[in-house]
Amino acid sequence: MTNSSQVNAGTVSAAITSVAHNRSTATLAPAEKPAKFSGVDFKRWQQKMFFYLTTLSLQRFINENVPVISDETPPEE
């Protein structure tokens, strides 16, 4: 059997959990935004920028696929 305090505690934790999972995007404070690249330690800056874009759900715009150019030359018209 459960008493009323156990039931209320379960309700509160369920409400907190559902609120936490309903947030669609996290907003970052301006202080958390990565600084502009200064020319030092590119790999570290690149990782920070990728993480920042991932938190904003923008990582899909980072494209590392190199386009393939065909060997055939199109006919001149």
Protein backbone atom coordinates (compact mmCIF):
# COMPACT_ATOMS: atom_id res chain seq x y z
CA MET A 1 0.00 0.00 0.00
CA THR A 2 1.11 3.53 -0.61
CA ASN A 3 0.37 6.51 1.52
CA SER A 4 -0.47 9.98 0.20
CA SER A 5 3.11 11.30 0.49
CA GLN A 6 4.42 8.46 -1.71
CA VAL A 7 1.73 9.10 -4.31
CA ASN A 8 2.46 12.85 -4.33
CA ALA A 9 6.21 12.25 -4.60
CA GLY A 10 5.63 10.01 -7.62
CA THR A 11 3.43 12.61 -9.27
CA VAL A 12 5.94 15.41 -8.76
CA SER A 13 8.85 13.42 -10.18
CA ALA A 14 6.77 12.36 -13.18
CA ALA A 15 5.82 15.98 -13.85
CA ILE A 16 9.43 17.13 -13.64
CA THR A 17 10.55 14.32 -15.93
CA SER A 18 7.96 15.10 -18.59
CA VAL A 19 8.84 18.80 -18.57
CA ALA A 20 12.54 18.03 -18.97
CA HIS A 21 11.93 15.78 -21.98
CA ASN A 22 9.59 18.19 -23.78
CA ARG A 23 12.24 20.85 -24.44
CA SER A 24 13.01 20.73 -28.15
CA THR A 25 16.14 22.89 -28.28
CA ALA A 26 18.57 24.05 -25.67
CA THR A 27 19.30 27.75 -25.57
CA LEU A 28 22.88 28.62 -24.89
CA ALA A 29 23.98 31.76 -23.15
CA PRO A 30 26.15 34.08 -25.26
CA ALA A 31 29.10 33.23 -23.00
CA GLU A 32 28.88 29.59 -24.12
CA LYS A 33 29.20 30.49 -27.81
CA PRO A 34 32.65 29.51 -29.15
CA ALA A 35 35.02 32.37 -29.87
CA LYS A 36 36.05 33.26 -33.42
CA PHE A 37 38.99 31.28 -34.73
CA SER A 38 42.20 33.10 -33.81
CA GLY A 39 44.63 30.89 -35.74
CA VAL A 40 45.71 28.85 -32.71
CA ASP A 41 44.77 25.19 -32.07
CA PHE A 42 42.43 24.66 -35.02
CA LYS A 43 41.44 21.09 -34.02
CA ARG A 44 40.21 22.25 -30.60
CA TRP A 45 38.26 25.15 -32.11
CA GLN A 46 36.78 22.80 -34.72
CA GLN A 47 35.56 20.41 -32.02
CA LYS A 48 34.02 23.26 -30.03
CA MET A 49 32.27 24.62 -33.12
CA PHE A 50 30.93 21.20 -34.11
CA PHE A 51 29.59 20.68 -30.57
CA TYR A 52 27.99 24.14 -30.61
CA LEU A 53 26.30 23.50 -33.96
CA THR A 54 25.15 20.08 -32.73
CA THR A 55 23.46 21.64 -29.70
CA LEU A 56 21.63 24.00 -32.06
CA SER A 57 20.67 21.05 -34.33
CA LEU A 58 22.66 22.57 -37.21
CA GLN A 59 25.27 19.83 -37.64
CA ARG A 60 23.57 18.69 -40.84
CA PHE A 61 24.99 21.77 -42.57
CA ILE A 62 28.56 20.62 -42.01
CA ASN A 63 29.32 18.62 -45.12
CA GLU A 64 32.64 16.81 -45.45
CA ASN A 65 31.75 14.97 -48.67
CA VAL A 66 33.93 16.19 -51.53
CA PRO A 67 32.04 16.50 -54.83
CA VAL A 68 33.24 14.14 -57.56
CA ILE A 69 34.06 15.72 -60.91
CA SER A 70 33.56 13.43 -63.87
CA ASP A 71 36.41 12.90 -66.35
CA GLU A 72 34.13 13.46 -69.33
CA THR A 73 33.91 16.96 -70.76
CA PRO A 74 30.38 18.01 -71.69
CA PRO A 75 29.92 18.71 -75.41
CA GLU A 76 30.07 22.36 -76.44
CA GLU A 77 26.88 23.69 -77.97
